[in-house]
Amino acid sequence: MLKKAAREEVLILDHEKEWKLGKCILRFPEILQKILEDLLLHTLCDYLYELATTFTEFYDNCYCVEKDRQSGQIVKVNMWRLLLCEATAAIMAKGFDILGIKPVQRM
């Protein structure tokens, strides 16, 4: 479902936290290039920490799935926000893999 949405969905980044997360995600290739040039892996650790804190701000302020308060029924699914979540998870997983860290599935 997310793969189809990634091809068809228009990204609507109208909240400042969406923009902040999107810009942070786009810096990943730049961070990898910097690590290749200077061989300092702590740069990746710093970036992953920044990505995690930026994602937390986004998640606290932007609902991916909106529910009716009284009935609990799903009213709206914001696919572009789910795509931001998926991209964040993929980058975190790749970063952990580079660092040799096995991510936990649940905390």
PDB file of N, CA and C in Angstrom:
ATOM      1  N   MET A   1       0.823  -1.190   0.000  1.00  0.00           N
ATOM      2  CA  MET A   1       0.000   0.000   0.000  1.00  0.00           C
ATOM      3  C   MET A   1       0.869   1.257   0.000  1.00  0.00           C
ATOM      4  N   LEU A   2       1.943   1.254   0.807  1.00  0.00           N
ATOM      5  CA  LEU A   2       2.819   2.424   0.844  1.00  0.00           C
ATOM      6  C   LEU A   2       3.618   2.581  -0.442  1.00  0.00           C
ATOM      7  N   LYS A   3       3.988   1.456  -1.081  1.00  0.00           N
ATOM      8  CA  LYS A   3       4.723   1.552  -2.350  1.00  0.00           C
ATOM      9  C   LYS A   3       3.857   2.208  -3.412  1.00  0.00           C
ATOM     10  N   LYS A   4       2.586   1.825  -3.447  1.00  0.00           N
ATOM     11  CA  LYS A   4       1.662   2.426  -4.399  1.00  0.00           C
ATOM     12  C   LYS A   4       1.485   3.909  -4.083  1.00  0.00           C
ATOM     13  N   ALA A   5       1.359   4.234  -2.818  1.00  0.00           N
ATOM     14  CA  ALA A   5       1.204   5.632  -2.409  1.00  0.00           C
ATOM     15  C   ALA A   5       2.445   6.440  -2.756  1.00  0.00           C
ATOM     16  N   ALA A   6       3.626   5.827  -2.635  1.00  0.00           N
ATOM     17  CA  ALA A   6       4.868   6.534  -2.949  1.00  0.00           C
ATOM     18  C   ALA A   6       4.920   6.922  -4.418  1.00  0.00           C
ATOM     19  N   ARG A   7       4.338   6.095  -5.274  1.00  0.00           N
ATOM     20  CA  ARG A   7       4.311   6.407  -6.707  1.00  0.00           C
ATOM     21  C   ARG A   7       3.224   7.414  -7.057  1.00  0.00           C
ATOM     22  N   GLU A   8       2.096   7.346  -6.369  1.00  0.00           N
ATOM     23  CA  GLU A   8       0.928   8.111  -6.779  1.00  0.00           C
ATOM     24  C   GLU A   8       0.619   9.328  -5.918  1.00  0.00           C
ATOM     25  N   GLU A   9       1.006   9.291  -4.665  1.00  0.00           N
ATOM     26  CA  GLU A   9       0.622  10.340  -3.714  1.00  0.00           C
ATOM     27  C   GLU A   9       1.477  11.593  -3.905  1.00  0.00           C
ATOM     28  N   VAL A  10       0.828  12.732  -3.849  1.00  0.00           N
ATOM     29  CA  VAL A  10       1.528  14.011  -3.883  1.00  0.00           C
ATOM     30  C   VAL A  10       1.908  14.359  -2.448  1.00  0.00           C
ATOM     31  N   LEU A  11       3.181  14.662  -2.236  1.00  0.00           N
ATOM     32  CA  LEU A  11       3.621  15.032  -0.889  1.00  0.00           C
ATOM     33  C   LEU A  11       3.166  16.450  -0.575  1.00  0.00           C
ATOM     34  N   ILE A  12       2.442  16.585   0.502  1.00  0.00           N
ATOM     35  CA  ILE A  12       1.954  17.889   0.941  1.00  0.00           C
ATOM     36  C   ILE A  12       2.627  18.197   2.269  1.00  0.00           C
ATOM     37  N   LEU A  13       3.644  19.024   2.222  1.00  0.00           N
ATOM     38  CA  LEU A  13       4.372  19.377   3.436  1.00  0.00           C
ATOM     39  C   LEU A  13       3.961  20.782   3.847  1.00  0.00           C
ATOM     40  N   ASP A  14       2.835  20.872   4.546  1.00  0.00           N
ATOM     41  CA  ASP A  14       2.332  22.192   4.912  1.00  0.00           C
ATOM     42  C   ASP A  14       2.524  22.528   6.391  1.00  0.00           C
ATOM     43  N   HIS A  15       3.050  21.600   7.156  1.00  0.00           N
ATOM     44  CA  HIS A  15       3.325  21.845   8.574  1.00  0.00           C
ATOM     45  C   HIS A  15       4.832  22.010   8.742  1.00  0.00           C
ATOM     46  N   GLU A  16       5.252  22.930   9.600  1.00  0.00           N
ATOM     47  CA  GLU A  16       6.689  23.192   9.763  1.00  0.00           C
ATOM     48  C   GLU A  16       7.466  21.954  10.189  1.00  0.00           C
ATOM     49  N   LYS A  17       6.856  21.059  10.957  1.00  0.00           N
ATOM     50  CA  LYS A  17       7.542  19.840  11.405  1.00  0.00           C
ATOM     51  C   LYS A  17       7.704  18.844  10.255  1.00  0.00           C
ATOM     52  N   GLU A  18       6.771  18.852   9.292  1.00  0.00           N
ATOM     53  CA  GLU A  18       6.921  18.026   8.094  1.00  0.00           C
ATOM     54  C   GLU A  18       8.120  18.510   7.283  1.00  0.00           C
ATOM     55  N   TRP A  19       8.219  19.821   7.119  1.00  0.00           N
ATOM     56  CA  TRP A  19       9.343  20.406   6.383  1.00  0.00           C
ATOM     57  C   TRP A  19      10.662  20.082   7.061  1.00  0.00           C
ATOM     58  N   LYS A  20      10.698  20.239   8.366  1.00  0.00           N
ATOM     59  CA  LYS A  20      11.930  19.993   9.115  1.00  0.00           C
ATOM     60  C   LYS A  20      12.378  18.538   8.957  1.00  0.00           C
ATOM     61  N   LEU A  21      11.437  17.608   9.064  1.00  0.00           N
ATOM     62  CA  LEU A  21      11.768  16.193   8.904  1.00  0.00           C
ATOM     63  C   LEU A  21      12.198  15.900   7.469  1.00  0.00           C
ATOM     64  N   GLY A  22      11.472  16.438   6.510  1.00  0.00           N
ATOM     65  CA  GLY A  22      11.824  16.231   5.104  1.00  0.00           C
ATOM     66  C   GLY A  22      13.231  16.709   4.784  1.00  0.00           C
ATOM     67  N   LYS A  23      13.586  17.882   5.287  1.00  0.00           N
ATOM     68  CA  LYS A  23      14.931  18.416   5.051  1.00  0.00           C
ATOM     69  C   LYS A  23      15.990  17.551   5.728  1.00  0.00           C
ATOM     70  N   CYS A  24      15.683  17.050   6.899  1.00  0.00           N
ATOM     71  CA  CYS A  24      16.624  16.183   7.618  1.00  0.00           C
ATOM     72  C   CYS A  24      16.829  14.872   6.850  1.00  0.00           C
ATOM     73  N   ILE A  25      15.760  14.299   6.336  1.00  0.00           N
ATOM     74  CA  ILE A  25      15.839  13.069   5.546  1.00  0.00           C
ATOM     75  C   ILE A  25      16.715  13.278   4.316  1.00  0.00           C
ATOM     76  N   LEU A  26      16.546  14.414   3.653  1.00  0.00           N
ATOM     77  CA  LEU A  26      17.296  14.689   2.425  1.00  0.00           C
ATOM     78  C   LEU A  26      18.793  14.870   2.659  1.00  0.00           C
ATOM     79  N   ARG A  27      19.207  15.079   3.890  1.00  0.00           N
ATOM     80  CA  ARG A  27      20.629  15.252   4.195  1.00  0.00           C
ATOM     81  C   ARG A  27      21.388  13.927   4.302  1.00  0.00           C
ATOM     82  N   PHE A  28      20.702  12.801   4.299  1.00  0.00           N
ATOM     83  CA  PHE A  28      21.357  11.506   4.492  1.00  0.00           C
ATOM     84  C   PHE A  28      22.470  11.234   3.477  1.00  0.00           C
ATOM     85  N   PRO A  29      22.249  11.413   2.172  1.00  0.00           N
ATOM     86  CA  PRO A  29      23.353  11.177   1.224  1.00  0.00           C
ATOM     87  C   PRO A  29      24.559  12.089   1.489  1.00  0.00           C
ATOM     88  N   GLU A  30      24.296  13.317   1.867  1.00  0.00           N
ATOM     89  CA  GLU A  30      25.369  14.264   2.197  1.00  0.00           C
ATOM     90  C   GLU A  30      26.184  13.764   3.395  1.00  0.00           C
ATOM     91  N   ILE A  31      25.507  13.242   4.396  1.00  0.00           N
ATOM     92  CA  ILE A  31      26.178  12.711   5.587  1.00  0.00           C
ATOM     93  C   ILE A  31      27.044  11.513   5.212  1.00  0.00           C
ATOM     94  N   LEU A  32      26.520  10.622   4.382  1.00  0.00           N
ATOM     95  CA  LEU A  32      27.297   9.458   3.952  1.00  0.00           C
ATOM     96  C   LEU A  32      28.535   9.885   3.172  1.00  0.00           C
ATOM     97  N   GLN A  33      28.382  10.875   2.306  1.00  0.00           N
ATOM     98  CA  GLN A  33      29.520  11.376   1.534  1.00  0.00           C
ATOM     99  C   GLN A  33      30.590  11.953   2.458  1.00  0.00           C
ATOM    100  N   LYS A  34      30.169  12.692   3.466  1.00  0.00           N
ATOM    101  CA  LYS A  34      31.108  13.281   4.424  1.00  0.00           C
ATOM    102  C   LYS A  34      31.876  12.185   5.169  1.00  0.00           C
ATOM    103  N   ILE A  35      31.179  11.126   5.543  1.00  0.00           N
ATOM    104  CA  ILE A  35      31.826  10.014   6.246  1.00  0.00           C
ATOM    105  C   ILE A  35      32.853   9.330   5.341  1.00  0.00           C
ATOM    106  N   LEU A  36      32.520   9.186   4.061  1.00  0.00           N
ATOM    107  CA  LEU A  36      33.462   8.578   3.121  1.00  0.00           C
ATOM    108  C   LEU A  36      34.720   9.427   2.964  1.00  0.00           C
ATOM    109  N   GLU A  37      34.561  10.730   3.046  1.00  0.00           N
ATOM    110  CA  GLU A  37      35.699  11.632   2.862  1.00  0.00           C
ATOM    111  C   GLU A  37      36.591  11.709   4.098  1.00  0.00           C
ATOM    112  N   ASP A  38      35.981  11.819   5.295  1.00  0.00           N
ATOM    113  CA  ASP A  38      36.809  12.027   6.491  1.00  0.00           C
ATOM    114  C   ASP A  38      36.906  10.803   7.417  1.00  0.00           C
ATOM    115  N   LEU A  39      36.149   9.742   7.109  1.00  0.00           N
ATOM    116  CA  LEU A  39      36.172   8.488   7.878  1.00  0.00           C
ATOM    117  C   LEU A  39      35.851   8.670   9.361  1.00  0.00           C
ATOM    118  N   LEU A  40      35.032   9.641   9.676  1.00  0.00           N
ATOM    119  CA  LEU A  40      34.622   9.887  11.061  1.00  0.00           C
ATOM    120  C   LEU A  40      33.168   9.446  11.236  1.00  0.00           C
ATOM    121  N   LEU A  41      32.983   8.244  11.785  1.00  0.00           N
ATOM    122  CA  LEU A  41      31.642   7.668  11.912  1.00  0.00           C
ATOM    123  C   LEU A  41      30.753   8.389  12.919  1.00  0.00           C
ATOM    124  N   HIS A  42      31.338   9.150  13.818  1.00  0.00           N
ATOM    125  CA  HIS A  42      30.506   9.845  14.801  1.00  0.00           C
ATOM    126  C   HIS A  42      29.560  10.838  14.123  1.00  0.00           C
ATOM    127  N   THR A  43      29.907  11.269  12.922  1.00  0.00           N
ATOM    128  CA  THR A  43      29.021  12.151  12.153  1.00  0.00           C
ATOM    129  C   THR A  43      27.684  11.461  11.903  1.00  0.00           C
ATOM    130  N   LEU A  44      27.733  10.164  11.596  1.00  0.00           N
ATOM    131  CA  LEU A  44      26.504   9.397  11.374  1.00  0.00           C
ATOM    132  C   LEU A  44      25.710   9.270  12.668  1.00  0.00           C
ATOM    133  N   CYS A  45      26.387   9.051  13.772  1.00  0.00           N
ATOM    134  CA  CYS A  45      25.704   8.963  15.075  1.00  0.00           C
ATOM    135  C   CYS A  45      24.986  10.272  15.391  1.00  0.00           C
ATOM    136  N   ASP A  46      25.674  11.384  15.177  1.00  0.00           N
ATOM    137  CA  ASP A  46      25.068  12.698  15.414  1.00  0.00           C
ATOM    138  C   ASP A  46      23.846  12.902  14.524  1.00  0.00           C
ATOM    139  N   TYR A  47      23.977  12.519  13.241  1.00  0.00           N
ATOM    140  CA  TYR A  47      22.867  12.670  12.302  1.00  0.00           C
ATOM    141  C   TYR A  47      21.673  11.808  12.714  1.00  0.00           C
ATOM    142  N   LEU A  48      21.921  10.557  13.075  1.00  0.00           N
ATOM    143  CA  LEU A  48      20.820   9.668  13.463  1.00  0.00           C
ATOM    144  C   LEU A  48      20.110  10.171  14.713  1.00  0.00           C
ATOM    145  N   TYR A  49      20.869  10.747  15.630  1.00  0.00           N
ATOM    146  CA  TYR A  49      20.249  11.338  16.819  1.00  0.00           C
ATOM    147  C   TYR A  49      19.374  12.529  16.417  1.00  0.00           C
ATOM    148  N   GLU A  50      19.893  13.367  15.523  1.00  0.00           N
ATOM    149  CA  GLU A  50      19.113  14.517  15.044  1.00  0.00           C
ATOM    150  C   GLU A  50      17.852  14.049  14.322  1.00  0.00           C
ATOM    151  N   LEU A  51      17.983  13.018  13.492  1.00  0.00           N
ATOM    152  CA  LEU A  51      16.827  12.480  12.769  1.00  0.00           C
ATOM    153  C   LEU A  51      15.784  11.943  13.746  1.00  0.00           C
ATOM    154  N   ALA A  52      16.225  11.236  14.770  1.00  0.00           N
ATOM    155  CA  ALA A  52      15.297  10.679  15.761  1.00  0.00           C
ATOM    156  C   ALA A  52      14.566  11.782  16.522  1.00  0.00           C
ATOM    157  N   THR A  53      15.276  12.822  16.919  1.00  0.00           N
ATOM    158  CA  THR A  53      14.617  13.911  17.655  1.00  0.00           C
ATOM    159  C   THR A  53      13.692  14.704  16.743  1.00  0.00           C
ATOM    160  N   THR A  54      14.095  14.893  15.490  1.00  0.00           N
ATOM    161  CA  THR A  54      13.238  15.592  14.527  1.00  0.00           C
ATOM    162  C   THR A  54      11.981  14.777  14.252  1.00  0.00           C
ATOM    163  N   PHE A  55      12.133  13.451  14.135  1.00  0.00           N
ATOM    164  CA  PHE A  55      10.972  12.591  13.924  1.00  0.00           C
ATOM    165  C   PHE A  55      10.022  12.651  15.113  1.00  0.00           C
ATOM    166  N   THR A  56      10.562  12.672  16.315  1.00  0.00           N
ATOM    167  CA  THR A  56       9.726  12.750  17.516  1.00  0.00           C
ATOM    168  C   THR A  56       8.910  14.036  17.522  1.00  0.00           C
ATOM    169  N   GLU A  57       9.531  15.149  17.158  1.00  0.00           N
ATOM    170  CA  GLU A  57       8.799  16.423  17.059  1.00  0.00           C
ATOM    171  C   GLU A  57       7.678  16.311  16.031  1.00  0.00           C
ATOM    172  N   PHE A  58       7.996  15.726  14.876  1.00  0.00           N
ATOM    173  CA  PHE A  58       7.010  15.535  13.812  1.00  0.00           C
ATOM    174  C   PHE A  58       5.855  14.663  14.304  1.00  0.00           C
ATOM    175  N   TYR A  59       6.175  13.540  14.928  1.00  0.00           N
ATOM    176  CA  TYR A  59       5.163  12.584  15.370  1.00  0.00           C
ATOM    177  C   TYR A  59       4.254  13.169  16.447  1.00  0.00           C
ATOM    178  N   ASP A  60       4.818  14.018  17.294  1.00  0.00           N
ATOM    179  CA  ASP A  60       4.028  14.651  18.353  1.00  0.00           C
ATOM    180  C   ASP A  60       3.079  15.720  17.821  1.00  0.00           C
ATOM    181  N   ASN A  61       3.395  16.299  16.672  1.00  0.00           N
ATOM    182  CA  ASN A  61       2.615  17.423  16.148  1.00  0.00           C
ATOM    183  C   ASN A  61       1.765  17.106  14.923  1.00  0.00           C
ATOM    184  N   CYS A  62       2.093  16.057  14.204  1.00  0.00           N
ATOM    185  CA  CYS A  62       1.418  15.760  12.937  1.00  0.00           C
ATOM    186  C   CYS A  62       0.825  14.348  12.980  1.00  0.00           C
ATOM    187  N   TYR A  63      -0.479  14.262  12.895  1.00  0.00           N
ATOM    188  CA  TYR A  63      -1.148  12.958  12.946  1.00  0.00           C
ATOM    189  C   TYR A  63      -1.091  12.274  11.588  1.00  0.00           C
ATOM    190  N   CYS A  64      -0.654  11.034  11.586  1.00  0.00           N
ATOM    191  CA  CYS A  64      -0.655  10.238  10.361  1.00  0.00           C
ATOM    192  C   CYS A  64      -2.047   9.666  10.112  1.00  0.00           C
ATOM    193  N   VAL A  65      -2.678   9.227  11.179  1.00  0.00           N
ATOM    194  CA  VAL A  65      -4.033   8.681  11.113  1.00  0.00           C
ATOM    195  C   VAL A  65      -4.900   9.494  12.062  1.00  0.00           C
ATOM    196  N   GLU A  66      -5.945  10.094  11.508  1.00  0.00           N
ATOM    197  CA  GLU A  66      -6.850  10.906  12.324  1.00  0.00           C
ATOM    198  C   GLU A  66      -8.113  10.108  12.612  1.00  0.00           C
ATOM    199  N   LYS A  67      -8.508  10.103  13.888  1.00  0.00           N
ATOM    200  CA  LYS A  67      -9.694   9.354  14.314  1.00  0.00           C
ATOM    201  C   LYS A  67     -10.732  10.300  14.897  1.00  0.00           C
ATOM    202  N   ASP A  68     -11.987   9.887  14.777  1.00  0.00           N
ATOM    203  CA  ASP A  68     -13.075  10.607  15.416  1.00  0.00           C
ATOM    204  C   ASP A  68     -12.946  10.402  16.923  1.00  0.00           C
ATOM    205  N   ARG A  69     -13.010  11.473  17.674  1.00  0.00           N
ATOM    206  CA  ARG A  69     -12.796  11.396  19.125  1.00  0.00           C
ATOM    207  C   ARG A  69     -13.867  10.563  19.839  1.00  0.00           C
ATOM    208  N   GLN A  70     -15.082  10.607  19.346  1.00  0.00           N
ATOM    209  CA  GLN A  70     -16.166   9.912  20.040  1.00  0.00           C
ATOM    210  C   GLN A  70     -16.295   8.452  19.619  1.00  0.00           C
ATOM    211  N   SER A  71     -16.255   8.205  18.325  1.00  0.00           N
ATOM    212  CA  SER A  71     -16.466   6.832  17.858  1.00  0.00           C
ATOM    213  C   SER A  71     -15.170   6.035  17.740  1.00  0.00           C
ATOM    214  N   GLY A  72     -14.044   6.716  17.603  1.00  0.00           N
ATOM    215  CA  GLY A  72     -12.774   6.021  17.425  1.00  0.00           C
ATOM    216  C   GLY A  72     -12.543   5.541  16.006  1.00  0.00           C
ATOM    217  N   GLN A  73     -13.473   5.856  15.117  1.00  0.00           N
ATOM    218  CA  GLN A  73     -13.355   5.458  13.717  1.00  0.00           C
ATOM    219  C   GLN A  73     -12.306   6.316  13.008  1.00  0.00           C
ATOM    220  N   ILE A  74     -11.589   5.687  12.093  1.00  0.00           N
ATOM    221  CA  ILE A  74     -10.590   6.418  11.312  1.00  0.00           C
ATOM    222  C   ILE A  74     -11.308   7.365  10.360  1.00  0.00           C
ATOM    223  N   VAL A  75     -10.934   8.642  10.435  1.00  0.00           N
ATOM    224  CA  VAL A  75     -11.545   9.667   9.604  1.00  0.00           C
ATOM    225  C   VAL A  75     -10.674   9.957   8.387  1.00  0.00           C
ATOM    226  N   LYS A  76      -9.356   9.989   8.604  1.00  0.00           N
ATOM    227  CA  LYS A  76      -8.457  10.370   7.521  1.00  0.00           C
ATOM    228  C   LYS A  76      -7.098   9.708   7.732  1.00  0.00           C
ATOM    229  N   VAL A  77      -6.517   9.228   6.632  1.00  0.00           N
ATOM    230  CA  VAL A  77      -5.159   8.689   6.656  1.00  0.00           C
ATOM    231  C   VAL A  77      -4.305   9.604   5.788  1.00  0.00           C
ATOM    232  N   ASN A  78      -3.306  10.219   6.392  1.00  0.00           N
ATOM    233  CA  ASN A  78      -2.411  11.126   5.672  1.00  0.00           C
ATOM    234  C   ASN A  78      -1.234  10.317   5.131  1.00  0.00           C
ATOM    235  N   MET A  79      -1.362   9.876   3.879  1.00  0.00           N
ATOM    236  CA  MET A  79      -0.362   8.986   3.289  1.00  0.00           C
ATOM    237  C   MET A  79       1.005   9.640   3.201  1.00  0.00           C
ATOM    238  N   TRP A  80       1.058  10.940   2.923  1.00  0.00           N
ATOM    239  CA  TRP A  80       2.360  11.597   2.802  1.00  0.00           C
ATOM    240  C   TRP A  80       3.099  11.587   4.138  1.00  0.00           C
ATOM    241  N   ARG A  81       2.364  11.652   5.220  1.00  0.00           N
ATOM    242  CA  ARG A  81       2.993  11.577   6.542  1.00  0.00           C
ATOM    243  C   ARG A  81       3.464  10.155   6.834  1.00  0.00           C
ATOM    244  N   LEU A  82       2.694   9.169   6.394  1.00  0.00           N
ATOM    245  CA  LEU A  82       3.139   7.780   6.546  1.00  0.00           C
ATOM    246  C   LEU A  82       4.403   7.530   5.729  1.00  0.00           C
ATOM    247  N   LEU A  83       4.490   8.170   4.566  1.00  0.00           N
ATOM    248  CA  LEU A  83       5.689   8.033   3.743  1.00  0.00           C
ATOM    249  C   LEU A  83       6.903   8.653   4.429  1.00  0.00           C
ATOM    250  N   LEU A  84       6.707   9.768   5.114  1.00  0.00           N
ATOM    251  CA  LEU A  84       7.803  10.363   5.885  1.00  0.00           C
ATOM    252  C   LEU A  84       8.247   9.415   7.002  1.00  0.00           C
ATOM    253  N   CYS A  85       7.287   8.760   7.637  1.00  0.00           N
ATOM    254  CA  CYS A  85       7.614   7.780   8.688  1.00  0.00           C
ATOM    255  C   CYS A  85       8.408   6.615   8.103  1.00  0.00           C
ATOM    256  N   GLU A  86       7.967   6.127   6.959  1.00  0.00           N
ATOM    257  CA  GLU A  86       8.634   5.002   6.302  1.00  0.00           C
ATOM    258  C   GLU A  86      10.054   5.376   5.883  1.00  0.00           C
ATOM    259  N   ALA A  87      10.231   6.570   5.337  1.00  0.00           N
ATOM    260  CA  ALA A  87      11.566   7.028   4.937  1.00  0.00           C
ATOM    261  C   ALA A  87      12.479   7.157   6.149  1.00  0.00           C
ATOM    262  N   THR A  88      11.945   7.685   7.240  1.00  0.00           N
ATOM    263  CA  THR A  88      12.729   7.813   8.470  1.00  0.00           C
ATOM    264  C   THR A  88      13.167   6.440   8.970  1.00  0.00           C
ATOM    265  N   ALA A  89      12.253   5.481   8.974  1.00  0.00           N
ATOM    266  CA  ALA A  89      12.576   4.123   9.431  1.00  0.00           C
ATOM    267  C   ALA A  89      13.649   3.487   8.550  1.00  0.00           C
ATOM    268  N   ALA A  90      13.556   3.690   7.244  1.00  0.00           N
ATOM    269  CA  ALA A  90      14.536   3.112   6.319  1.00  0.00           C
ATOM    270  C   ALA A  90      15.923   3.710   6.546  1.00  0.00           C
ATOM    271  N   ILE A  91      15.987   5.014   6.758  1.00  0.00           N
ATOM    272  CA  ILE A  91      17.277   5.672   6.988  1.00  0.00           C
ATOM    273  C   ILE A  91      17.861   5.245   8.330  1.00  0.00           C
ATOM    274  N   MET A  92      17.022   5.165   9.355  1.00  0.00           N
ATOM    275  CA  MET A  92      17.509   4.715  10.662  1.00  0.00           C
ATOM    276  C   MET A  92      18.062   3.286  10.553  1.00  0.00           C
ATOM    277  N   ALA A  93      17.352   2.417   9.851  1.00  0.00           N
ATOM    278  CA  ALA A  93      17.799   1.030   9.689  1.00  0.00           C
ATOM    279  C   ALA A  93      19.127   0.971   8.938  1.00  0.00           C
ATOM    280  N   LYS A  94      19.248   1.741   7.871  1.00  0.00           N
ATOM    281  CA  LYS A  94      20.490   1.757   7.100  1.00  0.00           C
ATOM    282  C   LYS A  94      21.633   2.325   7.927  1.00  0.00           C
ATOM    283  N   GLY A  95      21.368   3.384   8.678  1.00  0.00           N
ATOM    284  CA  GLY A  95      22.394   3.967   9.543  1.00  0.00           C
ATOM    285  C   GLY A  95      22.858   2.988  10.608  1.00  0.00           C
ATOM    286  N   PHE A  96      21.914   2.293  11.238  1.00  0.00           N
ATOM    287  CA  PHE A  96      22.269   1.280  12.240  1.00  0.00           C
ATOM    288  C   PHE A  96      23.093   0.159  11.610  1.00  0.00           C
ATOM    289  N   ASP A  97      22.715  -0.238  10.393  1.00  0.00           N
ATOM    290  CA  ASP A  97      23.448  -1.289   9.692  1.00  0.00           C
ATOM    291  C   ASP A  97      24.898  -0.861   9.446  1.00  0.00           C
ATOM    292  N   ILE A  98      25.089   0.358   9.014  1.00  0.00           N
ATOM    293  CA  ILE A  98      26.442   0.878   8.776  1.00  0.00           C
ATOM    294  C   ILE A  98      27.254   0.868  10.064  1.00  0.00           C
ATOM    295  N   LEU A  99      26.609   1.212  11.170  1.00  0.00           N
ATOM    296  CA  LEU A  99      27.293   1.259  12.464  1.00  0.00           C
ATOM    297  C   LEU A  99      27.436  -0.116  13.121  1.00  0.00           C
ATOM    298  N   GLY A 100      26.781  -1.131  12.542  1.00  0.00           N
ATOM    299  CA  GLY A 100      26.846  -2.474  13.107  1.00  0.00           C
ATOM    300  C   GLY A 100      25.951  -2.656  14.318  1.00  0.00           C
ATOM    301  N   ILE A 101      24.895  -1.855  14.391  1.00  0.00           N
ATOM    302  CA  ILE A 101      23.957  -1.921  15.515  1.00  0.00           C
ATOM    303  C   ILE A 101      22.702  -2.656  15.069  1.00  0.00           C
ATOM    304  N   LYS A 102      22.277  -3.627  15.868  1.00  0.00           N
ATOM    305  CA  LYS A 102      21.029  -4.331  15.572  1.00  0.00           C
ATOM    306  C   LYS A 102      19.888  -3.566  16.240  1.00  0.00           C
ATOM    307  N   PRO A 103      18.960  -3.026  15.443  1.00  0.00           N
ATOM    308  CA  PRO A 103      17.861  -2.253  16.045  1.00  0.00           C
ATOM    309  C   PRO A 103      16.873  -3.149  16.780  1.00  0.00           C
ATOM    310  N   VAL A 104      16.288  -2.619  17.834  1.00  0.00           N
ATOM    311  CA  VAL A 104      15.242  -3.341  18.550  1.00  0.00           C
ATOM    312  C   VAL A 104      13.922  -3.135  17.816  1.00  0.00           C
ATOM    313  N   GLN A 105      13.058  -4.110  17.901  1.00  0.00           N
ATOM    314  CA  GLN A 105      11.768  -4.012  17.227  1.00  0.00           C
ATOM    315  C   GLN A 105      10.763  -3.200  18.024  1.00  0.00           C
ATOM    316  N   ARG A 106      10.952  -3.200  19.359  1.00  0.00           N
ATOM    317  CA  ARG A 106       9.977  -2.537  20.204  1.00  0.00           C
ATOM    318  C   ARG A 106      10.659  -2.085  21.485  1.00  0.00           C
ATOM    319  N   MET A 107      10.215  -0.959  22.007  1.00  0.00           N
ATOM    320  CA  MET A 107      10.778  -0.473  23.264  1.00  0.00           C
ATOM    321  C   MET A 107       9.709  -0.455  24.329  1.00  0.00           C
TER     322      MET A 107
END
